C-alpha atoms as a PDB file:
ATOM      1  CA  UNK A   1      48.060-246.186 -16.144  1.00  0.00           C
ATOM      2  CA  UNK A   2      47.770-244.106 -19.318  1.00  0.00           C
ATOM      3  CA  UNK A   3      46.996-241.021 -17.260  1.00  0.00           C
ATOM      4  CA  UNK A   4      50.127-241.472 -15.160  1.00  0.00           C
ATOM      5  CA  UNK A   5      52.167-241.972 -18.359  1.00  0.00           C
ATOM      6  CA  UNK A   6      50.755-238.677 -19.631  1.00  0.00           C
ATOM      7  CA  UNK A   7      51.738-237.040 -16.341  1.00  0.00           C
ATOM      8  CA  UNK A   8      55.278-238.428 -16.662  1.00  0.00           C
ATOM      9  CA  UNK A   9      55.596-237.121 -20.221  1.00  0.00           C
ATOM     10  CA  UNK A  10      54.280-233.735 -19.075  1.00  0.00           C
ATOM     11  CA  UNK A  11      56.975-233.564 -16.366  1.00  0.00           C
ATOM     12  CA  UNK A  12      59.686-234.486 -18.890  1.00  0.00           C
ATOM     13  CA  UNK A  13      58.506-231.804 -21.327  1.00  0.00           C
ATOM     14  CA  UNK A  14      58.334-229.237 -18.514  1.00  0.00           C
ATOM     15  CA  UNK A  15      61.914-230.035 -17.530  1.00  0.00           C
ATOM     16  CA  UNK A  16      63.006-229.734 -21.154  1.00  0.00           C
ATOM     17  CA  UNK A  17      61.413-226.315 -21.605  1.00  0.00           C
ATOM     18  CA  UNK A  18      62.865-225.149 -18.308  1.00  0.00           C
ATOM     19  CA  UNK A  19      66.405-226.079 -19.325  1.00  0.00           C
ATOM     20  CA  UNK A  20      66.861-222.712 -21.001  1.00  0.00           C
ATOM     21  CA  UNK A  21      67.669-219.754 -18.770  1.00  0.00           C
ATOM     22  CA  UNK A  22      66.316-216.224 -18.581  1.00  0.00           C
ATOM     23  CA  UNK A  23      63.313-216.768 -20.813  1.00  0.00           C
ATOM     24  CA  UNK A  24      60.524-216.162 -18.287  1.00  0.00           C
ATOM     25  CA  UNK A  25      59.613-219.790 -17.545  1.00  0.00           C
ATOM     26  CA  UNK A  26      58.322-221.125 -14.224  1.00  0.00           C
ATOM     27  CA  UNK A  27      57.824-224.841 -13.553  1.00  0.00           C
ATOM     28  CA  UNK A  28      55.649-225.925 -10.626  1.00  0.00           C
ATOM     29  CA  UNK A  29      54.515-228.991  -8.728  1.00  0.00           C
ATOM     30  CA  UNK A  30      51.653-229.030  -6.175  1.00  0.00           C
ATOM     31  CA  UNK A  31      50.178-231.766  -4.027  1.00  0.00           C
ATOM     32  CA  UNK A  32      46.955-231.215  -2.105  1.00  0.00           C
ATOM     33  CA  UNK A  33      43.995-232.928  -0.497  1.00  0.00           C
ATOM     34  CA  UNK A  34      40.495-231.524  -0.955  1.00  0.00           C
ATOM     35  CA  UNK A  35      38.251-231.896   2.126  1.00  0.00           C
ATOM     36  CA  UNK A  36      40.784-233.940   4.080  1.00  0.00           C
ATOM     37  CA  UNK A  37      38.666-233.502   7.220  1.00  0.00           C
ATOM     38  CA  UNK A  38      35.903-235.737   5.810  1.00  0.00           C
ATOM     39  CA  UNK A  39      37.450-239.238   5.914  1.00  0.00           C
ATOM     40  CA  UNK A  40      34.071-240.906   6.525  1.00  0.00           C
ATOM     41  CA  UNK A  41      32.893-239.865   3.072  1.00  0.00           C
ATOM     42  CA  UNK A  42      35.572-241.078   0.672  1.00  0.00           C
ATOM     43  CA  UNK A  43      33.887-239.482  -2.334  1.00  0.00           C
ATOM     44  CA  UNK A  44      34.487-236.040  -0.836  1.00  0.00           C
ATOM     45  CA  UNK A  45      38.205-236.550  -0.126  1.00  0.00           C
ATOM     46  CA  UNK A  46      40.222-235.732  -3.234  1.00  0.00           C
ATOM     47  CA  UNK A  47      44.039-236.027  -3.198  1.00  0.00           C
ATOM     48  CA  UNK A  48      45.556-234.531  -6.330  1.00  0.00           C
ATOM     49  CA  UNK A  49      48.825-233.596  -8.020  1.00  0.00           C
ATOM     50  CA  UNK A  50      49.268-230.577 -10.298  1.00  0.00           C
ATOM     51  CA  UNK A  51      52.185-230.117 -12.688  1.00  0.00           C
ATOM     52  CA  UNK A  52      52.454-226.720 -14.344  1.00  0.00           C
ATOM     53  CA  UNK A  53      54.591-224.699 -16.721  1.00  0.00           C
ATOM     54  CA  UNK A  54      54.153-220.929 -17.086  1.00  0.00           C
ATOM     55  CA  UNK A  55      55.723-218.398 -19.401  1.00  0.00           C
ATOM     56  CA  UNK A  56      55.557-214.680 -18.701  1.00  0.00           C
ATOM     57  CA  UNK A  57      57.509-211.898 -20.320  1.00  0.00           C
ATOM     58  CA  UNK A  58      57.339-208.322 -21.584  1.00  0.00           C
ATOM     59  CA  UNK A  59      58.439-206.922 -24.914  1.00  0.00           C
ATOM     60  CA  UNK A  60      58.733-203.569 -26.724  1.00  0.00           C
ATOM     61  CA  UNK A  61      60.034-201.747 -23.630  1.00  0.00           C
ATOM     62  CA  UNK A  62      57.328-203.320 -21.432  1.00  0.00           C
ATOM     63  CA  UNK A  63      54.548-202.198 -23.750  1.00  0.00           C
ATOM     64  CA  UNK A  64      53.515-205.772 -24.602  1.00  0.00           C
ATOM     65  CA  UNK A  65      52.872-208.474 -21.973  1.00  0.00           C
ATOM     66  CA  UNK A  66      52.572-212.163 -22.824  1.00  0.00           C
ATOM     67  CA  UNK A  67      51.455-214.957 -20.486  1.00  0.00           C
ATOM     68  CA  UNK A  68      50.863-218.649 -21.155  1.00  0.00           C
ATOM     69  CA  UNK A  69      50.237-221.407 -18.629  1.00  0.00           C
ATOM     70  CA  UNK A  70      49.792-225.163 -18.975  1.00  0.00           C
ATOM     71  CA  UNK A  71      48.622-227.320 -16.043  1.00  0.00           C
ATOM     72  CA  UNK A  72      48.040-231.053 -15.837  1.00  0.00           C
ATOM     73  CA  UNK A  73      45.947-232.234 -12.867  1.00  0.00           C
ATOM     74  CA  UNK A  74      45.561-235.864 -11.793  1.00  0.00           C
ATOM     75  CA  UNK A  75      43.494-237.112  -8.866  1.00  0.00           C
ATOM     76  CA  UNK A  76      44.277-240.173  -6.749  1.00  0.00           C
ATOM     77  CA  UNK A  77      40.658-241.255  -6.415  1.00  0.00           C
ATOM     78  CA  UNK A  78      38.666-243.456  -8.789  1.00  0.00           C
ATOM     79  CA  UNK A  79      35.845-242.214 -10.999  1.00  0.00           C
ATOM     80  CA  UNK A  80      33.699-243.942 -13.608  1.00  0.00           C
ATOM     81  CA  UNK A  81      34.296-242.847 -17.210  1.00  0.00           C
ATOM     82  CA  UNK A  82      31.838-243.010 -20.123  1.00  0.00           C
ATOM     83  CA  UNK A  83      32.805-246.620 -20.864  1.00  0.00           C
ATOM     84  CA  UNK A  84      32.066-247.746 -17.307  1.00  0.00           C
ATOM     85  CA  UNK A  85      35.719-248.152 -16.318  1.00  0.00           C
ATOM     86  CA  UNK A  86      37.202-246.805 -13.091  1.00  0.00           C
ATOM     87  CA  UNK A  87      39.958-244.300 -13.851  1.00  0.00           C
ATOM     88  CA  UNK A  88      41.903-241.604 -12.085  1.00  0.00           C
ATOM     89  CA  UNK A  89      40.307-238.221 -12.842  1.00  0.00           C
ATOM     90  CA  UNK A  90      42.592-235.908 -14.758  1.00  0.00           C
ATOM     91  CA  UNK A  91      42.395-232.687 -16.714  1.00  0.00           C
ATOM     92  CA  UNK A  92      44.541-230.356 -18.779  1.00  0.00           C
ATOM     93  CA  UNK A  93      44.243-226.563 -18.573  1.00  0.00           C
ATOM     94  CA  UNK A  94      45.713-223.963 -20.896  1.00  0.00           C
ATOM     95  CA  UNK A  95      45.577-220.228 -20.200  1.00  0.00           C
ATOM     96  CA  UNK A  96      46.864-217.478 -22.451  1.00  0.00           C
ATOM     97  CA  UNK A  97      46.732-213.699 -22.289  1.00  0.00           C
ATOM     98  CA  UNK A  98      48.218-210.783 -24.141  1.00  0.00           C
ATOM     99  CA  UNK A  99      48.195-207.197 -22.942  1.00  0.00           C
ATOM    100  CA  UNK A 100      49.171-203.872 -24.455  1.00  0.00           C
ATOM    101  CA  UNK A 101      50.220-201.097 -22.049  1.00  0.00           C
ATOM    102  CA  UNK A 102      49.599-197.522 -23.098  1.00  0.00           C
ATOM    103  CA  UNK A 103      51.426-194.875 -21.077  1.00  0.00           C
ATOM    104  CA  UNK A 104      49.339-191.886 -20.011  1.00  0.00           C
ATOM    105  CA  UNK A 105      51.979-189.489 -18.816  1.00  0.00           C
ATOM    106  CA  UNK A 106      54.772-190.469 -16.435  1.00  0.00           C
ATOM    107  CA  UNK A 107      52.675-192.148 -13.755  1.00  0.00           C
ATOM    108  CA  UNK A 108      49.560-193.636 -15.399  1.00  0.00           C
ATOM    109  CA  UNK A 109      49.124-196.715 -17.564  1.00  0.00           C
ATOM    110  CA  UNK A 110      46.094-198.011 -19.441  1.00  0.00           C
ATOM    111  CA  UNK A 111      46.279-201.708 -20.378  1.00  0.00           C
ATOM    112  CA  UNK A 112      44.156-203.582 -22.902  1.00  0.00           C
ATOM    113  CA  UNK A 113      44.060-207.318 -22.154  1.00  0.00           C
ATOM    114  CA  UNK A 114      42.733-210.324 -24.036  1.00  0.00           C
ATOM    115  CA  UNK A 115      42.773-213.695 -22.306  1.00  0.00           C
ATOM    116  CA  UNK A 116      41.678-217.208 -23.129  1.00  0.00           C
ATOM    117  CA  UNK A 117      41.093-220.078 -20.677  1.00  0.00           C
ATOM    118  CA  UNK A 118      40.557-223.714 -21.629  1.00  0.00           C
ATOM    119  CA  UNK A 119      40.112-226.934 -19.685  1.00  0.00           C
ATOM    120  CA  UNK A 120      39.755-230.516 -20.933  1.00  0.00           C
ATOM    121  CA  UNK A 121      38.339-233.163 -18.592  1.00  0.00           C
ATOM    122  CA  UNK A 122      39.730-236.599 -19.503  1.00  0.00           C
ATOM    123  CA  UNK A 123      37.212-238.651 -17.490  1.00  0.00           C
ATOM    124  CA  UNK A 124      34.393-237.851 -19.910  1.00  0.00           C
ATOM    125  CA  UNK A 125      34.800-238.247 -23.654  1.00  0.00           C
ATOM    126  CA  UNK A 126      31.814-236.029 -24.496  1.00  0.00           C
ATOM    127  CA  UNK A 127      30.976-232.482 -23.424  1.00  0.00           C
ATOM    128  CA  UNK A 128      34.299-232.306 -21.609  1.00  0.00           C
ATOM    129  CA  UNK A 129      35.667-228.936 -22.718  1.00  0.00           C
ATOM    130  CA  UNK A 130      35.477-225.536 -21.024  1.00  0.00           C
ATOM    131  CA  UNK A 131      36.353-222.465 -23.074  1.00  0.00           C
ATOM    132  CA  UNK A 132      36.399-218.849 -21.920  1.00  0.00           C
ATOM    133  CA  UNK A 133      37.523-215.718 -23.731  1.00  0.00           C
ATOM    134  CA  UNK A 134      38.155-212.779 -21.443  1.00  0.00           C
ATOM    135  CA  UNK A 135      38.692-209.247 -22.771  1.00  0.00           C
ATOM    136  CA  UNK A 136      39.595-206.678 -20.151  1.00  0.00           C
ATOM    137  CA  UNK A 137      40.927-203.208 -19.440  1.00  0.00           C
ATOM    138  CA  UNK A 138      43.110-202.045 -16.532  1.00  0.00           C
ATOM    139  CA  UNK A 139      44.143-198.619 -15.272  1.00  0.00           C
ATOM    140  CA  UNK A 140      47.205-198.211 -13.029  1.00  0.00           C
ATOM    141  CA  UNK A 141      48.204-195.024 -11.236  1.00  0.00           C
ATOM    142  CA  UNK A 142      51.612-194.722  -9.593  1.00  0.00           C
ATOM    143  CA  UNK A 143      51.432-192.493  -6.508  1.00  0.00           C
ATOM    144  CA  UNK A 144      55.119-192.402  -5.611  1.00  0.00           C
ATOM    145  CA  UNK A 145      55.751-193.219  -1.960  1.00  0.00           C
ATOM    146  CA  UNK A 146      52.056-194.075  -1.569  1.00  0.00           C
ATOM    147  CA  UNK A 147      52.338-197.046  -3.920  1.00  0.00           C
ATOM    148  CA  UNK A 148      50.151-197.961  -6.887  1.00  0.00           C
ATOM    149  CA  UNK A 149      46.388-197.886  -7.304  1.00  0.00           C
ATOM    150  CA  UNK A 150      44.728-199.977 -10.008  1.00  0.00           C
ATOM    151  CA  UNK A 151      41.259-200.801 -11.304  1.00  0.00           C
ATOM    152  CA  UNK A 152      40.347-203.524 -13.791  1.00  0.00           C
ATOM    153  CA  UNK A 153      37.243-204.738 -15.611  1.00  0.00           C
ATOM    154  CA  UNK A 154      37.081-208.167 -17.296  1.00  0.00           C
ATOM    155  CA  UNK A 155      34.254-209.715 -19.325  1.00  0.00           C
ATOM    156  CA  UNK A 156      34.547-213.545 -19.271  1.00  0.00           C
ATOM    157  CA  UNK A 157      32.502-215.031 -22.125  1.00  0.00           C
ATOM    158  CA  UNK A 158      31.832-218.766 -21.836  1.00  0.00           C
ATOM    159  CA  UNK A 159      31.634-220.047 -25.398  1.00  0.00           C
ATOM    160  CA  UNK A 160      32.119-223.681 -24.303  1.00  0.00           C
ATOM    161  CA  UNK A 161      30.816-224.982 -20.992  1.00  0.00           C
ATOM    162  CA  UNK A 162      30.814-228.777 -20.862  1.00  0.00           C
ATOM    163  CA  UNK A 163      28.070-229.357 -23.418  1.00  0.00           C
ATOM    164  CA  UNK A 164      26.041-226.158 -23.303  1.00  0.00           C
ATOM    165  CA  UNK A 165      24.429-225.340 -26.617  1.00  0.00           C
ATOM    166  CA  UNK A 166      25.566-222.222 -28.444  1.00  0.00           C
ATOM    167  CA  UNK A 167      22.355-220.400 -27.527  1.00  0.00           C
ATOM    168  CA  UNK A 168      23.097-221.049 -23.851  1.00  0.00           C
ATOM    169  CA  UNK A 169      26.408-219.190 -23.936  1.00  0.00           C
ATOM    170  CA  UNK A 170      26.638-216.805 -20.997  1.00  0.00           C
ATOM    171  CA  UNK A 171      28.964-214.059 -19.835  1.00  0.00           C
ATOM    172  CA  UNK A 172      30.065-212.299 -16.699  1.00  0.00           C
ATOM    173  CA  UNK A 173      31.633-209.088 -15.481  1.00  0.00           C
ATOM    174  CA  UNK A 174      34.520-209.030 -13.006  1.00  0.00           C
ATOM    175  CA  UNK A 175      35.378-205.670 -11.423  1.00  0.00           C
ATOM    176  CA  UNK A 176      38.610-205.362  -9.413  1.00  0.00           C
ATOM    177  CA  UNK A 177      40.225-202.511  -7.496  1.00  0.00           C
ATOM    178  CA  UNK A 178      43.501-202.753  -5.640  1.00  0.00           C
ATOM    179  CA  UNK A 179      46.371-200.951  -3.964  1.00  0.00           C
ATOM    180  CA  UNK A 180      50.015-202.057  -3.830  1.00  0.00           C
ATOM    181  CA  UNK A 181      52.015-200.147  -1.240  1.00  0.00           C
ATOM    182  CA  UNK A 182      55.653-199.180  -1.507  1.00  0.00           C
ATOM    183  CA  UNK A 183      56.485-201.271   1.593  1.00  0.00           C
ATOM    184  CA  UNK A 184      55.053-204.642   0.468  1.00  0.00           C
ATOM    185  CA  UNK A 185      51.397-204.543   1.517  1.00  0.00           C
ATOM    186  CA  UNK A 186      48.736-205.243  -1.093  1.00  0.00           C
ATOM    187  CA  UNK A 187      44.939-204.998  -0.867  1.00  0.00           C
ATOM    188  CA  UNK A 188      42.447-206.069  -3.532  1.00  0.00           C
ATOM    189  CA  UNK A 189      38.670-206.369  -3.773  1.00  0.00           C
ATOM    190  CA  UNK A 190      36.551-207.786  -6.583  1.00  0.00           C
ATOM    191  CA  UNK A 191      32.897-208.003  -7.529  1.00  0.00           C
ATOM    192  CA  UNK A 192      31.432-210.651  -9.848  1.00  0.00           C
ATOM    193  CA  UNK A 193      28.301-210.401 -11.976  1.00  0.00           C
ATOM    194  CA  UNK A 194      26.775-213.105 -14.178  1.00  0.00           C
ATOM    195  CA  UNK A 195      24.526-212.681 -17.213  1.00  0.00           C
ATOM    196  CA  UNK A 196      22.549-215.676 -18.492  1.00  0.00           C
ATOM    197  CA  UNK A 197      19.921-214.981 -21.168  1.00  0.00           C
ATOM    198  CA  UNK A 198      17.866-218.119 -20.469  1.00  0.00           C
ATOM    199  CA  UNK A 199      17.871-218.461 -16.685  1.00  0.00           C
ATOM    200  CA  UNK A 200      17.097-215.561 -14.343  1.00  0.00           C
ATOM    201  CA  UNK A 201      18.489-217.571 -11.403  1.00  0.00           C
ATOM    202  CA  UNK A 202      21.996-216.922 -12.688  1.00  0.00           C
ATOM    203  CA  UNK A 203      21.568-213.235 -13.416  1.00  0.00           C
ATOM    204  CA  UNK A 204      22.817-210.437 -11.237  1.00  0.00           C
ATOM    205  CA  UNK A 205      25.489-209.735  -8.637  1.00  0.00           C
ATOM    206  CA  UNK A 206      26.775-213.104  -7.459  1.00  0.00           C
ATOM    207  CA  UNK A 207      29.853-212.704  -5.284  1.00  0.00           C
ATOM    208  CA  UNK A 208      32.687-210.616  -3.907  1.00  0.00           C
ATOM    209  CA  UNK A 209      36.302-211.485  -3.211  1.00  0.00           C
ATOM    210  CA  UNK A 210      39.054-209.956  -1.079  1.00  0.00           C
ATOM    211  CA  UNK A 211      42.808-210.467  -1.010  1.00  0.00           C
ATOM    212  CA  UNK A 212      45.370-209.066   1.411  1.00  0.00           C
ATOM    213  CA  UNK A 213      49.046-209.763   0.784  1.00  0.00           C
ATOM    214  CA  UNK A 214      52.447-208.823   2.159  1.00  0.00           C
ATOM    215  CA  UNK A 215      55.867-209.270   0.578  1.00  0.00           C
ATOM    216  CA  UNK A 216      59.224-208.627   2.229  1.00  0.00           C
ATOM    217  CA  UNK A 217      62.274-209.937   0.428  1.00  0.00           C
ATOM    218  CA  UNK A 218      61.905-213.703  -0.015  1.00  0.00           C
ATOM    219  CA  UNK A 219      58.775-213.901   2.161  1.00  0.00           C
ATOM    220  CA  UNK A 220      55.277-213.643   0.729  1.00  0.00           C
ATOM    221  CA  UNK A 221      52.008-214.124   2.612  1.00  0.00           C
ATOM    222  CA  UNK A 222      48.439-213.867   1.357  1.00  0.00           C
ATOM    223  CA  UNK A 223      44.932-214.144   2.762  1.00  0.00           C
ATOM    224  CA  UNK A 224      42.087-214.524   0.275  1.00  0.00           C
ATOM    225  CA  UNK A 225      38.326-214.735   0.790  1.00  0.00           C
ATOM    226  CA  UNK A 226      35.460-215.383  -1.635  1.00  0.00           C
ATOM    227  CA  UNK A 227      31.932-214.538  -0.445  1.00  0.00           C
ATOM    228  CA  UNK A 228      28.759-215.366  -2.402  1.00  0.00           C
ATOM    229  CA  UNK A 229      25.960-212.829  -2.055  1.00  0.00           C
ATOM    230  CA  UNK A 230      22.979-214.994  -3.026  1.00  0.00           C
ATOM    231  CA  UNK A 231      21.847-218.625  -3.143  1.00  0.00           C
ATOM    232  CA  UNK A 232      24.357-219.619  -0.476  1.00  0.00           C
ATOM    233  CA  UNK A 233      23.003-223.177  -0.252  1.00  0.00           C
ATOM    234  CA  UNK A 234      23.161-224.018  -3.950  1.00  0.00           C
ATOM    235  CA  UNK A 235      26.420-222.579  -5.164  1.00  0.00           C
ATOM    236  CA  UNK A 236      25.179-222.437  -8.754  1.00  0.00           C
ATOM    237  CA  UNK A 237      25.522-218.770  -9.748  1.00  0.00           C
ATOM    238  CA  UNK A 238      28.999-218.070  -8.432  1.00  0.00           C
ATOM    239  CA  UNK A 239      30.505-221.506  -9.133  1.00  0.00           C
ATOM    240  CA  UNK A 240      31.253-220.294 -12.670  1.00  0.00           C
ATOM    241  CA  UNK A 241      33.888-217.893 -11.338  1.00  0.00           C
ATOM    242  CA  UNK A 242      37.293-219.214 -10.320  1.00  0.00           C
ATOM    243  CA  UNK A 243      37.686-216.397  -7.829  1.00  0.00           C
ATOM    244  CA  UNK A 244      34.632-217.452  -5.814  1.00  0.00           C
ATOM    245  CA  UNK A 245      34.077-221.098  -6.696  1.00  0.00           C
ATOM    246  CA  UNK A 246      32.246-223.644  -4.583  1.00  0.00           C
ATOM    247  CA  UNK A 247      29.442-223.398  -2.046  1.00  0.00           C
ATOM    248  CA  UNK A 248      29.560-220.945   0.818  1.00  0.00           C
ATOM    249  CA  UNK A 249      32.299-218.604   1.976  1.00  0.00           C
ATOM    250  CA  UNK A 250      35.861-219.624   1.177  1.00  0.00           C
ATOM    251  CA  UNK A 251      38.973-218.416   3.056  1.00  0.00           C
ATOM    252  CA  UNK A 252      42.524-219.278   1.966  1.00  0.00           C
ATOM    253  CA  UNK A 253      45.730-218.276   3.777  1.00  0.00           C
ATOM    254  CA  UNK A 254      48.971-218.888   1.859  1.00  0.00           C
ATOM    255  CA  UNK A 255      52.658-218.513   2.688  1.00  0.00           C
ATOM    256  CA  UNK A 256      55.691-218.842   0.411  1.00  0.00           C
ATOM    257  CA  UNK A 257      59.453-218.457   0.658  1.00  0.00           C
ATOM    258  CA  UNK A 258      61.726-217.842  -2.343  1.00  0.00           C
ATOM    259  CA  UNK A 259      65.376-218.796  -2.288  1.00  0.00           C
ATOM    260  CA  UNK A 260      68.076-216.808  -4.091  1.00  0.00           C
ATOM    261  CA  UNK A 261      68.471-219.404  -6.845  1.00  0.00           C
ATOM    262  CA  UNK A 262      64.833-219.124  -7.976  1.00  0.00           C
ATOM    263  CA  UNK A 263      63.167-221.947  -6.021  1.00  0.00           C
ATOM    264  CA  UNK A 264      59.953-221.116  -4.117  1.00  0.00           C
ATOM    265  CA  UNK A 265      58.157-223.295  -1.580  1.00  0.00           C
ATOM    266  CA  UNK A 266      54.588-222.513  -0.569  1.00  0.00           C
ATOM    267  CA  UNK A 267      51.853-223.773   1.718  1.00  0.00           C
ATOM    268  CA  UNK A 268      48.138-223.012   1.518  1.00  0.00           C
ATOM    269  CA  UNK A 269      45.060-224.020   3.490  1.00  0.00           C
ATOM    270  CA  UNK A 270      41.539-223.495   2.133  1.00  0.00           C
ATOM    271  CA  UNK A 271      38.441-223.422   4.340  1.00  0.00           C
ATOM    272  CA  UNK A 272      35.331-223.569   2.159  1.00  0.00           C
ATOM    273  CA  UNK A 273      31.626-224.190   2.505  1.00  0.00           C
ATOM    274  CA  UNK A 274      31.424-221.809   5.464  1.00  0.00           C
ATOM    275  CA  UNK A 275      27.821-220.802   6.152  1.00  0.00           C
ATOM    276  CA  UNK A 276      26.147-223.531   4.094  1.00  0.00           C
ATOM    277  CA  UNK A 277      23.204-225.215   5.823  1.00  0.00           C
ATOM    278  CA  UNK A 278      23.686-228.876   6.829  1.00  0.00           C
ATOM    279  CA  UNK A 279      27.210-228.987   5.497  1.00  0.00           C
ATOM    280  CA  UNK A 280      30.458-228.997   7.458  1.00  0.00           C
ATOM    281  CA  UNK A 281      33.146-226.660   6.106  1.00  0.00           C
ATOM    282  CA  UNK A 282      35.888-228.374   4.160  1.00  0.00           C
ATOM    283  CA  UNK A 283      39.585-228.108   4.918  1.00  0.00           C
ATOM    284  CA  UNK A 284      41.939-228.467   1.938  1.00  0.00           C
ATOM    285  CA  UNK A 285      45.721-228.175   2.444  1.00  0.00           C
ATOM    286  CA  UNK A 286      48.258-227.909  -0.371  1.00  0.00           C
ATOM    287  CA  UNK A 287      52.033-227.768  -0.622  1.00  0.00           C
ATOM    288  CA  UNK A 288      53.948-226.808  -3.715  1.00  0.00           C
ATOM    289  CA  UNK A 289      57.265-225.790  -5.235  1.00  0.00           C
ATOM    290  CA  UNK A 290      58.053-223.576  -8.214  1.00  0.00           C
ATOM    291  CA  UNK A 291      61.297-222.830  -9.993  1.00  0.00           C
ATOM    292  CA  UNK A 292      61.762-219.773 -12.177  1.00  0.00           C
ATOM    293  CA  UNK A 293      64.274-219.532 -15.016  1.00  0.00           C
END
């Protein structure tokens, strides 16, 4: 009950923040079911509700970018907490990033980015915090009628990982290249590398990801894929990266429609666990709405 009260308070606060106009706020609500195709194994089926508030804006003639996001997630299954009580699993995530854009002539931009990601798991009272600091650099080249080309390198450093000791802190390297056309088509590819000083199993090139998108007026469609390149049956090395989480290949189509007054409705369907031995792929649908102010 306390978790649902927290969710209610979160919704009220989100509505209060969103009351102001033209300040870069987006409020969102998403309902989904993880592995809905596995009803015979109730522990694998995970209905959830996400409530989110995001702020994004630019300052100093677009030289400074600010982003902050707050998401509360509650599951409609029962899990055992540290005290032995059955509770609804829930978590709170906070993401923040700041970027400085340096113009290199009329068509090129070099951006310096510093991000921070945090997650608190409320089921456990100990070792329940994830903390990541992510410095990065991005280069964007405008090519006129041929669109924009960009390349980005991020270094996620995990300084808190659900109870890991300080000496076990590990880091990664995310490399991304992409192209955004002038007619709405976007293509992006990423490579993910993990560095762990104490465990060679986690070291090396761990996964790749691809995203194809198309936007035309109020319509937006996206197809994403995350492909691990080693230890397909265990999932351990690449599960640390949000872009290629879980075991096996993951494919996610998504479609959204935005109305003139700022409301967007979207649908997504994730197929994951593809290619894992002795494991049926999971099917996870989600539906959501966002409203931008």
